[in-house]
């Protein structure tokens, strides 16, 4: 007696052998390679033409000095060469917070900014 769970091949056609269409796959690969090469050539020609249009004298020169800070339009500053706010604005801030002479013979002085604002709020004119 036969088991009903096992399929019977009696009366059915045999399965086909799996065939890989190697020639078709190769032609598709070759076609893709040709398209890639043509696209590369066309994009290179477009790039060369646009460079001639935008830079008629050629690209900007490479900086000759090692210490040159600007390359093209980009500022190239090393971290150790940067100045801080205290270094650039320190003297001006210090002057705003202390008394000093502007013109000693004429008797002109400068006041700390806080004191000058207090006097201005009281209506005192210089």
PDB file of N, CA and C in Angstrom:
ATOM      1  N   UNK A   1       0.825  -1.169   0.000  1.00  0.00           N
ATOM      2  CA  UNK A   1       0.000   0.000   0.000  1.00  0.00           C
ATOM      3  C   UNK A   1       0.877   1.242   0.000  1.00  0.00           C
ATOM      4  N   UNK A   2       0.393   2.186  -0.688  1.00  0.00           N
ATOM      5  CA  UNK A   2       1.173   3.415  -0.771  1.00  0.00           C
ATOM      6  C   UNK A   2       0.682   4.430   0.254  1.00  0.00           C
ATOM      7  N   UNK A   3       1.612   5.216   0.678  1.00  0.00           N
ATOM      8  CA  UNK A   3       1.302   6.268   1.643  1.00  0.00           C
ATOM      9  C   UNK A   3       0.734   7.461   0.886  1.00  0.00           C
ATOM     10  N   UNK A   4      -0.312   8.088   1.379  1.00  0.00           N
ATOM     11  CA  UNK A   4      -0.950   9.182   0.664  1.00  0.00           C
ATOM     12  C   UNK A   4      -0.156  10.497   0.774  1.00  0.00           C
ATOM     13  N   UNK A   5       0.825  10.551   1.656  1.00  0.00           N
ATOM     14  CA  UNK A   5       1.599  11.788   1.810  1.00  0.00           C
ATOM     15  C   UNK A   5       2.749  11.874   0.829  1.00  0.00           C
ATOM     16  N   UNK A   6       3.207  10.793   0.281  1.00  0.00           N
ATOM     17  CA  UNK A   6       4.296  10.852  -0.689  1.00  0.00           C
ATOM     18  C   UNK A   6       3.715  11.082  -2.070  1.00  0.00           C
ATOM     19  N   UNK A   7       4.205  12.115  -2.787  1.00  0.00           N
ATOM     20  CA  UNK A   7       3.648  12.412  -4.102  1.00  0.00           C
ATOM     21  C   UNK A   7       4.051  11.336  -5.109  1.00  0.00           C
ATOM     22  N   UNK A   8       3.196  11.081  -6.000  1.00  0.00           N
ATOM     23  CA  UNK A   8       3.453  10.097  -7.047  1.00  0.00           C
ATOM     24  C   UNK A   8       3.864  10.826  -8.309  1.00  0.00           C
ATOM     25  N   UNK A   9       4.893  10.353  -8.968  1.00  0.00           N
ATOM     26  CA  UNK A   9       5.334  10.966 -10.218  1.00  0.00           C
ATOM     27  C   UNK A   9       4.703  10.260 -11.410  1.00  0.00           C
ATOM     28  N   UNK A  10       3.893   9.294 -11.110  1.00  0.00           N
ATOM     29  CA  UNK A  10       3.258   8.537 -12.194  1.00  0.00           C
ATOM     30  C   UNK A  10       2.226   9.409 -12.906  1.00  0.00           C
ATOM     31  N   UNK A  11       2.356   9.601 -14.182  1.00  0.00           N
ATOM     32  CA  UNK A  11       1.414  10.362 -14.963  1.00  0.00           C
ATOM     33  C   UNK A  11       1.772  11.851 -15.086  1.00  0.00           C
ATOM     34  N   UNK A  12       2.827  12.290 -14.444  1.00  0.00           N
ATOM     35  CA  UNK A  12       3.245  13.686 -14.527  1.00  0.00           C
ATOM     36  C   UNK A  12       4.545  13.778 -15.319  1.00  0.00           C
ATOM     37  N   UNK A  13       4.768  14.907 -16.012  1.00  0.00           N
ATOM     38  CA  UNK A  13       6.031  15.040 -16.740  1.00  0.00           C
ATOM     39  C   UNK A  13       7.194  15.260 -15.768  1.00  0.00           C
ATOM     40  N   UNK A  14       8.354  14.868 -16.144  1.00  0.00           N
ATOM     41  CA  UNK A  14       9.543  15.039 -15.309  1.00  0.00           C
ATOM     42  C   UNK A  14       9.949  16.521 -15.282  1.00  0.00           C
ATOM     43  N   UNK A  15      10.561  16.938 -14.210  1.00  0.00           N
ATOM     44  CA  UNK A  15      10.999  18.335 -14.065  1.00  0.00           C
ATOM     45  C   UNK A  15      12.150  18.632 -15.012  1.00  0.00           C
ATOM     46  N   UNK A  16      12.173  19.864 -15.499  1.00  0.00           N
ATOM     47  CA  UNK A  16      13.245  20.286 -16.392  1.00  0.00           C
ATOM     48  C   UNK A  16      14.526  20.489 -15.613  1.00  0.00           C
ATOM     49  N   UNK A  17      15.624  20.310 -16.277  1.00  0.00           N
ATOM     50  CA  UNK A  17      16.917  20.623 -15.682  1.00  0.00           C
ATOM     51  C   UNK A  17      17.045  22.147 -15.630  1.00  0.00           C
ATOM     52  N   UNK A  18      17.599  22.666 -14.534  1.00  0.00           N
ATOM     53  CA  UNK A  18      17.814  24.103 -14.421  1.00  0.00           C
ATOM     54  C   UNK A  18      18.970  24.500 -15.334  1.00  0.00           C
ATOM     55  N   UNK A  19      18.710  25.496 -16.173  1.00  0.00           N
ATOM     56  CA  UNK A  19      19.739  25.994 -17.079  1.00  0.00           C
ATOM     57  C   UNK A  19      19.929  27.486 -16.809  1.00  0.00           C
ATOM     58  N   UNK A  20      21.168  27.899 -16.671  1.00  0.00           N
ATOM     59  CA  UNK A  20      21.488  29.304 -16.467  1.00  0.00           C
ATOM     60  C   UNK A  20      21.898  29.867 -17.819  1.00  0.00           C
ATOM     61  N   UNK A  21      21.213  30.938 -18.262  1.00  0.00           N
ATOM     62  CA  UNK A  21      21.546  31.519 -19.575  1.00  0.00           C
ATOM     63  C   UNK A  21      22.829  32.359 -19.472  1.00  0.00           C
ATOM     64  N   UNK A  22      23.967  31.688 -19.474  1.00  0.00           N
ATOM     65  CA  UNK A  22      25.254  32.348 -19.279  1.00  0.00           C
ATOM     66  C   UNK A  22      25.532  33.388 -20.364  1.00  0.00           C
ATOM     67  N   UNK A  23      25.204  33.109 -21.569  1.00  0.00           N
ATOM     68  CA  UNK A  23      25.473  34.042 -22.668  1.00  0.00           C
ATOM     69  C   UNK A  23      24.674  35.330 -22.489  1.00  0.00           C
ATOM     70  N   UNK A  24      23.409  35.209 -22.104  1.00  0.00           N
ATOM     71  CA  UNK A  24      22.586  36.400 -21.892  1.00  0.00           C
ATOM     72  C   UNK A  24      23.129  37.237 -20.733  1.00  0.00           C
ATOM     73  N   UNK A  25      23.516  36.587 -19.665  1.00  0.00           N
ATOM     74  CA  UNK A  25      24.070  37.304 -18.504  1.00  0.00           C
ATOM     75  C   UNK A  25      25.354  38.030 -18.899  1.00  0.00           C
ATOM     76  N   UNK A  26      26.198  37.385 -19.681  1.00  0.00           N
ATOM     77  CA  UNK A  26      27.449  38.007 -20.122  1.00  0.00           C
ATOM     78  C   UNK A  26      27.169  39.226 -20.989  1.00  0.00           C
ATOM     79  N   UNK A  27      26.199  39.127 -21.919  1.00  0.00           N
ATOM     80  CA  UNK A  27      25.875  40.269 -22.777  1.00  0.00           C
ATOM     81  C   UNK A  27      25.310  41.439 -21.972  1.00  0.00           C
ATOM     82  N   UNK A  28      24.517  41.163 -20.964  1.00  0.00           N
ATOM     83  CA  UNK A  28      23.985  42.228 -20.107  1.00  0.00           C
ATOM     84  C   UNK A  28      25.135  42.905 -19.352  1.00  0.00           C
ATOM     85  N   UNK A  29      26.078  42.122 -18.841  1.00  0.00           N
ATOM     86  CA  UNK A  29      27.236  42.683 -18.143  1.00  0.00           C
ATOM     87  C   UNK A  29      28.093  43.533 -19.055  1.00  0.00           C
ATOM     88  N   UNK A  30      28.336  43.046 -20.264  1.00  0.00           N
ATOM     89  CA  UNK A  30      29.131  43.808 -21.234  1.00  0.00           C
ATOM     90  C   UNK A  30      28.405  45.104 -21.611  1.00  0.00           C
ATOM     91  N   UNK A  31      27.102  45.029 -21.811  1.00  0.00           N
ATOM     92  CA  UNK A  31      26.318  46.229 -22.131  1.00  0.00           C
ATOM     93  C   UNK A  31      26.383  47.256 -21.003  1.00  0.00           C
ATOM     94  N   UNK A  32      26.271  46.793 -19.743  1.00  0.00           N
ATOM     95  CA  UNK A  32      26.353  47.705 -18.605  1.00  0.00           C
ATOM     96  C   UNK A  32      27.738  48.351 -18.534  1.00  0.00           C
ATOM     97  N   UNK A  33      28.778  47.578 -18.819  1.00  0.00           N
ATOM     98  CA  UNK A  33      30.134  48.117 -18.804  1.00  0.00           C
ATOM     99  C   UNK A  33      30.321  49.176 -19.889  1.00  0.00           C
ATOM    100  N   UNK A  34      29.774  48.930 -21.075  1.00  0.00           N
ATOM    101  CA  UNK A  34      29.869  49.899 -22.178  1.00  0.00           C
ATOM    102  C   UNK A  34      29.137  51.192 -21.801  1.00  0.00           C
ATOM    103  N   UNK A  35      27.939  51.076 -21.217  1.00  0.00           N
ATOM    104  CA  UNK A  35      27.183  52.260 -20.803  1.00  0.00           C
ATOM    105  C   UNK A  35      27.968  53.035 -19.752  1.00  0.00           C
ATOM    106  N   UNK A  36      28.591  52.355 -18.802  1.00  0.00           N
ATOM    107  CA  UNK A  36      29.384  53.009 -17.757  1.00  0.00           C
ATOM    108  C   UNK A  36      30.562  53.766 -18.351  1.00  0.00           C
ATOM    109  N   UNK A  37      31.283  53.144 -19.282  1.00  0.00           N
ATOM    110  CA  UNK A  37      32.441  53.793 -19.899  1.00  0.00           C
ATOM    111  C   UNK A  37      31.998  55.011 -20.704  1.00  0.00           C
ATOM    112  N   UNK A  38      30.932  54.901 -21.474  1.00  0.00           N
ATOM    113  CA  UNK A  38      30.437  56.036 -22.252  1.00  0.00           C
ATOM    114  C   UNK A  38      29.994  57.181 -21.331  1.00  0.00           C
ATOM    115  N   UNK A  39      29.298  56.872 -20.255  1.00  0.00           N
ATOM    116  CA  UNK A  39      28.863  57.906 -19.317  1.00  0.00           C
ATOM    117  C   UNK A  39      30.067  58.583 -18.668  1.00  0.00           C
ATOM    118  N   UNK A  40      31.107  57.822 -18.369  1.00  0.00           N
ATOM    119  CA  UNK A  40      32.318  58.406 -17.791  1.00  0.00           C
ATOM    120  C   UNK A  40      33.000  59.356 -18.763  1.00  0.00           C
ATOM    121  N   UNK A  41      33.079  58.970 -20.018  1.00  0.00           N
ATOM    122  CA  UNK A  41      33.711  59.812 -21.030  1.00  0.00           C
ATOM    123  C   UNK A  41      32.907  61.095 -21.224  1.00  0.00           C
ATOM    124  N   UNK A  42      31.593  60.982 -21.317  1.00  0.00           N
ATOM    125  CA  UNK A  42      30.744  62.156 -21.513  1.00  0.00           C
ATOM    126  C   UNK A  42      30.844  63.096 -20.314  1.00  0.00           C
ATOM    127  N   UNK A  43      30.799  62.563 -19.094  1.00  0.00           N
ATOM    128  CA  UNK A  43      30.871  63.427 -17.908  1.00  0.00           C
ATOM    129  C   UNK A  43      32.239  64.099 -17.803  1.00  0.00           C
ATOM    130  N   UNK A  44      33.305  63.410 -18.211  1.00  0.00           N
ATOM    131  CA  UNK A  44      34.635  64.027 -18.208  1.00  0.00           C
ATOM    132  C   UNK A  44      34.697  65.177 -19.211  1.00  0.00           C
ATOM    133  N   UNK A  45      34.130  65.001 -20.384  1.00  0.00           N
ATOM    134  CA  UNK A  45      34.120  66.066 -21.389  1.00  0.00           C
ATOM    135  C   UNK A  45      33.294  67.263 -20.915  1.00  0.00           C
ATOM    136  N   UNK A  46      32.164  67.014 -20.256  1.00  0.00           N
ATOM    137  CA  UNK A  46      31.347  68.102 -19.722  1.00  0.00           C
ATOM    138  C   UNK A  46      32.114  68.843 -18.637  1.00  0.00           C
ATOM    139  N   UNK A  47      32.823  68.122 -17.779  1.00  0.00           N
ATOM    140  CA  UNK A  47      33.610  68.745 -16.719  1.00  0.00           C
ATOM    141  C   UNK A  47      34.716  69.626 -17.300  1.00  0.00           C
ATOM    142  N   UNK A  48      35.411  69.127 -18.306  1.00  0.00           N
ATOM    143  CA  UNK A  48      36.484  69.907 -18.936  1.00  0.00           C
ATOM    144  C   UNK A  48      35.919  71.175 -19.567  1.00  0.00           C
ATOM    145  N   UNK A  49      34.789  71.069 -20.241  1.00  0.00           N
ATOM    146  CA  UNK A  49      34.177  72.229 -20.886  1.00  0.00           C
ATOM    147  C   UNK A  49      33.711  73.257 -19.852  1.00  0.00           C
ATOM    148  N   UNK A  50      33.119  72.797 -18.752  1.00  0.00           N
ATOM    149  CA  UNK A  50      32.643  73.752 -17.742  1.00  0.00           C
ATOM    150  C   UNK A  50      33.811  74.408 -17.013  1.00  0.00           C
ATOM    151  N   UNK A  51      34.917  73.704 -16.838  1.00  0.00           N
ATOM    152  CA  UNK A  51      36.107  74.328 -16.237  1.00  0.00           C
ATOM    153  C   UNK A  51      36.637  75.441 -17.131  1.00  0.00           C
ATOM    154  N   UNK A  52      36.640  75.207 -18.441  1.00  0.00           N
ATOM    155  CA  UNK A  52      37.099  76.244 -19.365  1.00  0.00           C
ATOM    156  C   UNK A  52      36.177  77.459 -19.306  1.00  0.00           C
ATOM    157  N   UNK A  53      34.895  77.214 -19.114  1.00  0.00           N
ATOM    158  CA  UNK A  53      33.920  78.305 -19.071  1.00  0.00           C
ATOM    159  C   UNK A  53      34.037  79.110 -17.774  1.00  0.00           C
ATOM    160  N   UNK A  54      34.178  78.431 -16.643  1.00  0.00           N
ATOM    161  CA  UNK A  54      34.204  79.119 -15.347  1.00  0.00           C
ATOM    162  C   UNK A  54      35.587  79.618 -14.962  1.00  0.00           C
ATOM    163  N   UNK A  55      36.636  78.953 -15.401  1.00  0.00           N
ATOM    164  CA  UNK A  55      38.010  79.365 -15.103  1.00  0.00           C
ATOM    165  C   UNK A  55      38.770  79.537 -16.412  1.00  0.00           C
ATOM    166  N   UNK A  56      38.565  80.631 -17.140  1.00  0.00           N
ATOM    167  CA  UNK A  56      39.240  80.771 -18.432  1.00  0.00           C
ATOM    168  C   UNK A  56      40.756  80.809 -18.309  1.00  0.00           C
ATOM    169  N   UNK A  57      41.272  81.316 -17.199  1.00  0.00           N
ATOM    170  CA  UNK A  57      42.720  81.381 -17.012  1.00  0.00           C
ATOM    171  C   UNK A  57      43.279  80.160 -16.308  1.00  0.00           C
ATOM    172  N   UNK A  58      42.470  79.158 -16.082  1.00  0.00           N
ATOM    173  CA  UNK A  58      42.903  77.970 -15.362  1.00  0.00           C
ATOM    174  C   UNK A  58      42.499  78.055 -13.889  1.00  0.00           C
ATOM    175  N   UNK A  59      42.700  76.987 -13.160  1.00  0.00           N
ATOM    176  CA  UNK A  59      42.325  76.995 -11.749  1.00  0.00           C
ATOM    177  C   UNK A  59      43.208  77.934 -10.940  1.00  0.00           C
ATOM    178  N   UNK A  60      42.742  78.385  -9.764  1.00  0.00           N
ATOM    179  CA  UNK A  60      43.565  79.270  -8.955  1.00  0.00           C
ATOM    180  C   UNK A  60      44.862  78.586  -8.548  1.00  0.00           C
ATOM    181  N   UNK A  61      45.930  79.365  -8.370  1.00  0.00           N
ATOM    182  CA  UNK A  61      47.213  78.757  -8.035  1.00  0.00           C
ATOM    183  C   UNK A  61      47.210  78.168  -6.625  1.00  0.00           C
ATOM    184  N   UNK A  62      48.014  77.161  -6.461  1.00  0.00           N
ATOM    185  CA  UNK A  62      48.192  76.556  -5.149  1.00  0.00           C
ATOM    186  C   UNK A  62      49.074  77.496  -4.335  1.00  0.00           C
ATOM    187  N   UNK A  63      48.750  77.704  -3.039  1.00  0.00           N
ATOM    188  CA  UNK A  63      49.553  78.632  -2.243  1.00  0.00           C
ATOM    189  C   UNK A  63      51.017  78.215  -2.211  1.00  0.00           C
ATOM    190  N   UNK A  64      51.894  79.193  -2.408  1.00  0.00           N
ATOM    191  CA  UNK A  64      53.323  78.912  -2.423  1.00  0.00           C
ATOM    192  C   UNK A  64      53.893  78.849  -1.021  1.00  0.00           C
ATOM    193  N   UNK A  65      53.392  79.717  -0.137  1.00  0.00           N
ATOM    194  CA  UNK A  65      53.921  79.773   1.214  1.00  0.00           C
ATOM    195  C   UNK A  65      53.239  78.734   2.096  1.00  0.00           C
ATOM    196  N   UNK A  66      54.000  78.178   2.999  1.00  0.00           N
ATOM    197  CA  UNK A  66      53.415  77.238   3.950  1.00  0.00           C
ATOM    198  C   UNK A  66      52.564  77.969   4.973  1.00  0.00           C
ATOM    199  N   UNK A  67      52.859  79.242   5.224  1.00  0.00           N
ATOM    200  CA  UNK A  67      52.134  80.000   6.222  1.00  0.00           C
ATOM    201  C   UNK A  67      50.944  80.767   5.676  1.00  0.00           C
ATOM    202  N   UNK A  68      50.626  80.603   4.406  1.00  0.00           N
ATOM    203  CA  UNK A  68      49.501  81.321   3.822  1.00  0.00           C
ATOM    204  C   UNK A  68      48.210  80.797   4.421  1.00  0.00           C
ATOM    205  N   UNK A  69      47.336  81.717   4.853  1.00  0.00           N
ATOM    206  CA  UNK A  69      46.142  81.320   5.586  1.00  0.00           C
ATOM    207  C   UNK A  69      44.953  81.038   4.699  1.00  0.00           C
ATOM    208  N   UNK A  70      44.884  81.626   3.510  1.00  0.00           N
ATOM    209  CA  UNK A  70      43.710  81.460   2.668  1.00  0.00           C
ATOM    210  C   UNK A  70      44.058  80.585   1.480  1.00  0.00           C
ATOM    211  N   UNK A  71      43.264  79.545   1.282  1.00  0.00           N
ATOM    212  CA  UNK A  71      43.394  78.674   0.120  1.00  0.00           C
ATOM    213  C   UNK A  71      42.063  78.750  -0.605  1.00  0.00           C
ATOM    214  N   UNK A  72      42.072  79.318  -1.809  1.00  0.00           N
ATOM    215  CA  UNK A  72      40.813  79.535  -2.516  1.00  0.00           C
ATOM    216  C   UNK A  72      39.993  80.553  -1.749  1.00  0.00           C
ATOM    217  N   UNK A  73      38.805  80.161  -1.338  1.00  0.00           N
ATOM    218  CA  UNK A  73      37.960  81.029  -0.533  1.00  0.00           C
ATOM    219  C   UNK A  73      37.877  80.552   0.909  1.00  0.00           C
ATOM    220  N   UNK A  74      38.638  79.539   1.268  1.00  0.00           N
ATOM    221  CA  UNK A  74      38.553  78.943   2.595  1.00  0.00           C
ATOM    222  C   UNK A  74      39.688  79.434   3.470  1.00  0.00           C
ATOM    223  N   UNK A  75      39.343  79.905   4.645  1.00  0.00           N
ATOM    224  CA  UNK A  75      40.335  80.359   5.612  1.00  0.00           C
ATOM    225  C   UNK A  75      40.914  79.131   6.318  1.00  0.00           C
ATOM    226  N   UNK A  76      42.220  78.976   6.229  1.00  0.00           N
ATOM    227  CA  UNK A  76      42.902  77.830   6.819  1.00  0.00           C
ATOM    228  C   UNK A  76      43.704  78.301   8.026  1.00  0.00           C
ATOM    229  N   UNK A  77      43.120  78.220   9.208  1.00  0.00           N
ATOM    230  CA  UNK A  77      43.782  78.685  10.417  1.00  0.00           C
ATOM    231  C   UNK A  77      43.992  77.487  11.335  1.00  0.00           C
ATOM    232  N   UNK A  78      45.210  77.326  11.779  1.00  0.00           N
ATOM    233  CA  UNK A  78      45.473  76.251  12.729  1.00  0.00           C
ATOM    234  C   UNK A  78      44.976  76.681  14.095  1.00  0.00           C
ATOM    235  N   UNK A  79      44.568  75.708  14.902  1.00  0.00           N
ATOM    236  CA  UNK A  79      43.989  76.009  16.206  1.00  0.00           C
ATOM    237  C   UNK A  79      44.951  76.789  17.097  1.00  0.00           C
ATOM    238  N   UNK A  80      46.228  76.451  17.062  1.00  0.00           N
ATOM    239  CA  UNK A  80      47.170  77.138  17.955  1.00  0.00           C
ATOM    240  C   UNK A  80      47.441  78.570  17.508  1.00  0.00           C
ATOM    241  N   UNK A  81      47.089  78.936  16.271  1.00  0.00           N
ATOM    242  CA  UNK A  81      47.324  80.288  15.778  1.00  0.00           C
ATOM    243  C   UNK A  81      46.112  81.202  15.946  1.00  0.00           C
ATOM    244  N   UNK A  82      45.003  80.683  16.428  1.00  0.00           N
ATOM    245  CA  UNK A  82      43.813  81.498  16.579  1.00  0.00           C
ATOM    246  C   UNK A  82      43.915  82.391  17.809  1.00  0.00           C
ATOM    247  N   UNK A  83      43.347  83.576  17.703  1.00  0.00           N
ATOM    248  CA  UNK A  83      43.312  84.481  18.842  1.00  0.00           C
ATOM    249  C   UNK A  83      41.990  84.328  19.564  1.00  0.00           C
ATOM    250  N   UNK A  84      41.998  84.596  20.852  1.00  0.00           N
ATOM    251  CA  UNK A  84      40.784  84.486  21.643  1.00  0.00           C
ATOM    252  C   UNK A  84      40.112  85.846  21.764  1.00  0.00           C
ATOM    253  N   UNK A  85      38.888  85.847  22.242  1.00  0.00           N
ATOM    254  CA  UNK A  85      38.150  87.089  22.427  1.00  0.00           C
ATOM    255  C   UNK A  85      38.864  87.971  23.441  1.00  0.00           C
ATOM    256  N   UNK A  86      39.404  87.370  24.478  1.00  0.00           N
ATOM    257  CA  UNK A  86      40.109  88.153  25.498  1.00  0.00           C
ATOM    258  C   UNK A  86      41.326  88.863  24.901  1.00  0.00           C
ATOM    259  N   UNK A  87      42.009  88.206  23.971  1.00  0.00           N
ATOM    260  CA  UNK A  87      43.184  88.823  23.357  1.00  0.00           C
ATOM    261  C   UNK A  87      42.808  89.990  22.454  1.00  0.00           C
ATOM    262  N   UNK A  88      41.713  89.855  21.715  1.00  0.00           N
ATOM    263  CA  UNK A  88      41.351  90.899  20.759  1.00  0.00           C
ATOM    264  C   UNK A  88      40.535  92.019  21.394  1.00  0.00           C
ATOM    265  N   UNK A  89      39.638  91.680  22.318  1.00  0.00           N
ATOM    266  CA  UNK A  89      38.763  92.693  22.905  1.00  0.00           C
ATOM    267  C   UNK A  89      39.160  93.070  24.324  1.00  0.00           C
ATOM    268  N   UNK A  90      40.155  92.416  24.878  1.00  0.00           N
ATOM    269  CA  UNK A  90      40.553  92.668  26.256  1.00  0.00           C
ATOM    270  C   UNK A  90      40.894  94.112  26.558  1.00  0.00           C
ATOM    271  N   UNK A  91      41.773  94.761  25.774  1.00  0.00           N
ATOM    272  CA  UNK A  91      42.125  96.163  26.055  1.00  0.00           C
ATOM    273  C   UNK A  91      40.916  97.101  25.991  1.00  0.00           C
ATOM    274  N   UNK A  92      40.025  96.903  25.035  1.00  0.00           N
ATOM    275  CA  UNK A  92      38.852  97.772  24.919  1.00  0.00           C
ATOM    276  C   UNK A  92      37.911  97.570  26.104  1.00  0.00           C
ATOM    277  N   UNK A  93      37.697  96.310  26.510  1.00  0.00           N
ATOM    278  CA  UNK A  93      36.843  96.042  27.674  1.00  0.00           C
ATOM    279  C   UNK A  93      37.451  96.640  28.941  1.00  0.00           C
ATOM    280  N   UNK A  94      38.742  96.536  29.077  1.00  0.00           N
ATOM    281  CA  UNK A  94      39.421  97.083  30.256  1.00  0.00           C
ATOM    282  C   UNK A  94      39.229  98.599  30.316  1.00  0.00           C
ATOM    283  N   UNK A  95      39.349  99.252  29.163  1.00  0.00           N
ATOM    284  CA  UNK A  95      39.192 100.709  29.124  1.00  0.00           C
ATOM    285  C   UNK A  95      37.776 101.118  29.488  1.00  0.00           C
ATOM    286  N   UNK A  96      36.768 100.291  29.150  1.00  0.00           N
ATOM    287  CA  UNK A  96      35.383 100.613  29.492  1.00  0.00           C
ATOM    288  C   UNK A  96      35.106 100.486  30.990  1.00  0.00           C
ATOM    289  N   UNK A  97      35.982  99.826  31.730  1.00  0.00           N
ATOM    290  CA  UNK A  97      35.728  99.570  33.148  1.00  0.00           C
ATOM    291  C   UNK A  97      36.616 100.389  34.079  1.00  0.00           C
ATOM    292  N   UNK A  98      37.375 101.353  33.582  1.00  0.00           N
ATOM    293  CA  UNK A  98      38.250 102.115  34.467  1.00  0.00           C
ATOM    294  C   UNK A  98      38.271 103.599  34.074  1.00  0.00           C
ATOM    295  N   UNK A  99      38.779 104.402  34.978  1.00  0.00           N
ATOM    296  CA  UNK A  99      38.947 105.834  34.736  1.00  0.00           C
ATOM    297  C   UNK A  99      40.258 106.057  33.993  1.00  0.00           C
ATOM    298  N   UNK A 100      40.323 107.138  33.251  1.00  0.00           N
ATOM    299  CA  UNK A 100      41.563 107.486  32.572  1.00  0.00           C
ATOM    300  C   UNK A 100      41.459 108.823  31.865  1.00  0.00           C
ATOM    301  N   UNK A 101      42.609 109.323  31.467  1.00  0.00           N
ATOM    302  CA  UNK A 101      42.673 110.595  30.759  1.00  0.00           C
ATOM    303  C   UNK A 101      42.469 110.400  29.267  1.00  0.00           C
ATOM    304  N   UNK A 102      41.673 111.283  28.687  1.00  0.00           N
ATOM    305  CA  UNK A 102      41.563 111.346  27.233  1.00  0.00           C
ATOM    306  C   UNK A 102      42.515 112.430  26.741  1.00  0.00           C
ATOM    307  N   UNK A 103      42.422 113.626  27.353  1.00  0.00           N
ATOM    308  CA  UNK A 103      43.298 114.754  27.012  1.00  0.00           C
ATOM    309  C   UNK A 103      43.579 115.506  28.311  1.00  0.00           C
ATOM    310  N   UNK A 104      44.739 115.271  28.892  1.00  0.00           N
ATOM    311  CA  UNK A 104      45.077 115.833  30.206  1.00  0.00           C
ATOM    312  C   UNK A 104      45.144 117.364  30.188  1.00  0.00           C
ATOM    313  N   UNK A 105      45.784 117.989  29.196  1.00  0.00           N
ATOM    314  CA  UNK A 105      45.827 119.461  29.205  1.00  0.00           C
ATOM    315  C   UNK A 105      44.428 120.097  29.139  1.00  0.00           C
ATOM    316  N   UNK A 106      43.513 119.496  28.441  1.00  0.00           N
ATOM    317  CA  UNK A 106      42.164 120.055  28.328  1.00  0.00           C
ATOM    318  C   UNK A 106      41.260 119.583  29.458  1.00  0.00           C
ATOM    319  N   UNK A 107      41.725 118.591  30.244  1.00  0.00           N
ATOM    320  CA  UNK A 107      40.940 118.097  31.370  1.00  0.00           C
ATOM    321  C   UNK A 107      39.853 117.119  30.985  1.00  0.00           C
ATOM    322  N   UNK A 108      40.029 116.394  29.866  1.00  0.00           N
ATOM    323  CA  UNK A 108      39.036 115.403  29.436  1.00  0.00           C
ATOM    324  C   UNK A 108      39.405 114.021  29.974  1.00  0.00           C
ATOM    325  N   UNK A 109      38.430 113.381  30.632  1.00  0.00           N
ATOM    326  CA  UNK A 109      38.650 112.043  31.185  1.00  0.00           C
ATOM    327  C   UNK A 109      37.609 111.087  30.620  1.00  0.00           C
ATOM    328  N   UNK A 110      37.856 109.816  30.798  1.00  0.00           N
ATOM    329  CA  UNK A 110      36.826 108.828  30.479  1.00  0.00           C
ATOM    330  C   UNK A 110      36.468 108.098  31.762  1.00  0.00           C
ATOM    331  N   UNK A 111      35.195 107.771  31.857  1.00  0.00           N
ATOM    332  CA  UNK A 111      34.644 107.108  33.040  1.00  0.00           C
ATOM    333  C   UNK A 111      34.371 105.650  32.727  1.00  0.00           C
ATOM    334  N   UNK A 112      34.264 104.817  33.783  1.00  0.00           N
ATOM    335  CA  UNK A 112      33.767 103.456  33.536  1.00  0.00           C
ATOM    336  C   UNK A 112      32.344 103.532  32.983  1.00  0.00           C
ATOM    337  N   UNK A 113      32.007 102.607  32.127  1.00  0.00           N
ATOM    338  CA  UNK A 113      30.724 102.656  31.419  1.00  0.00           C
ATOM    339  C   UNK A 113      29.545 102.616  32.382  1.00  0.00           C
ATOM    340  N   UNK A 114      29.659 101.852  33.459  1.00  0.00           N
ATOM    341  CA  UNK A 114      28.569 101.773  34.444  1.00  0.00           C
ATOM    342  C   UNK A 114      28.330 103.147  35.075  1.00  0.00           C
ATOM    343  N   UNK A 115      29.398 103.828  35.480  1.00  0.00           N
ATOM    344  CA  UNK A 115      29.271 105.147  36.114  1.00  0.00           C
ATOM    345  C   UNK A 115      28.721 106.162  35.115  1.00  0.00           C
ATOM    346  N   UNK A 116      29.161 106.087  33.861  1.00  0.00           N
ATOM    347  CA  UNK A 116      28.668 107.008  32.837  1.00  0.00           C
ATOM    348  C   UNK A 116      27.176 106.805  32.598  1.00  0.00           C
ATOM    349  N   UNK A 117      26.694 105.558  32.638  1.00  0.00           N
ATOM    350  CA  UNK A 117      25.263 105.306  32.451  1.00  0.00           C
ATOM    351  C   UNK A 117      24.461 105.826  33.640  1.00  0.00           C
ATOM    352  N   UNK A 118      25.010 105.678  34.856  1.00  0.00           N
ATOM    353  CA  UNK A 118      24.324 106.210  36.040  1.00  0.00           C
ATOM    354  C   UNK A 118      24.176 107.729  35.944  1.00  0.00           C
ATOM    355  N   UNK A 119      25.262 108.416  35.560  1.00  0.00           N
ATOM    356  CA  UNK A 119      25.212 109.869  35.426  1.00  0.00           C
ATOM    357  C   UNK A 119      24.242 110.299  34.316  1.00  0.00           C
ATOM    358  N   UNK A 120      24.242 109.547  33.216  1.00  0.00           N
ATOM    359  CA  UNK A 120      23.321 109.885  32.119  1.00  0.00           C
ATOM    360  C   UNK A 120      21.883 109.696  32.553  1.00  0.00           C
ATOM    361  N   UNK A 121      21.594 108.664  33.356  1.00  0.00           N
ATOM    362  CA  UNK A 121      20.244 108.427  33.851  1.00  0.00           C
ATOM    363  C   UNK A 121      19.800 109.529  34.794  1.00  0.00           C
ATOM    364  N   UNK A 122      20.747 110.140  35.513  1.00  0.00           N
ATOM    365  CA  UNK A 122      20.436 111.250  36.430  1.00  0.00           C
ATOM    366  C   UNK A 122      20.299 112.567  35.693  1.00  0.00           C
ATOM    367  N   UNK A 123      20.660 112.594  34.443  1.00  0.00           N
ATOM    368  CA  UNK A 123      20.535 113.807  33.654  1.00  0.00           C
ATOM    369  C   UNK A 123      21.785 114.651  33.617  1.00  0.00           C
ATOM    370  N   UNK A 124      22.884 114.173  34.154  1.00  0.00           N
ATOM    371  CA  UNK A 124      24.135 114.918  34.139  1.00  0.00           C
ATOM    372  C   UNK A 124      24.697 114.850  32.714  1.00  0.00           C
ATOM    373  N   UNK A 125      25.040 116.030  32.207  1.00  0.00           N
ATOM    374  CA  UNK A 125      25.591 116.084  30.852  1.00  0.00           C
ATOM    375  C   UNK A 125      27.095 116.312  30.939  1.00  0.00           C
ATOM    376  N   UNK A 126      27.840 115.761  30.001  1.00  0.00           N
ATOM    377  CA  UNK A 126      29.297 115.952  30.049  1.00  0.00           C
ATOM    378  C   UNK A 126      29.701 117.394  29.785  1.00  0.00           C
TER     379      UNK A 126
END
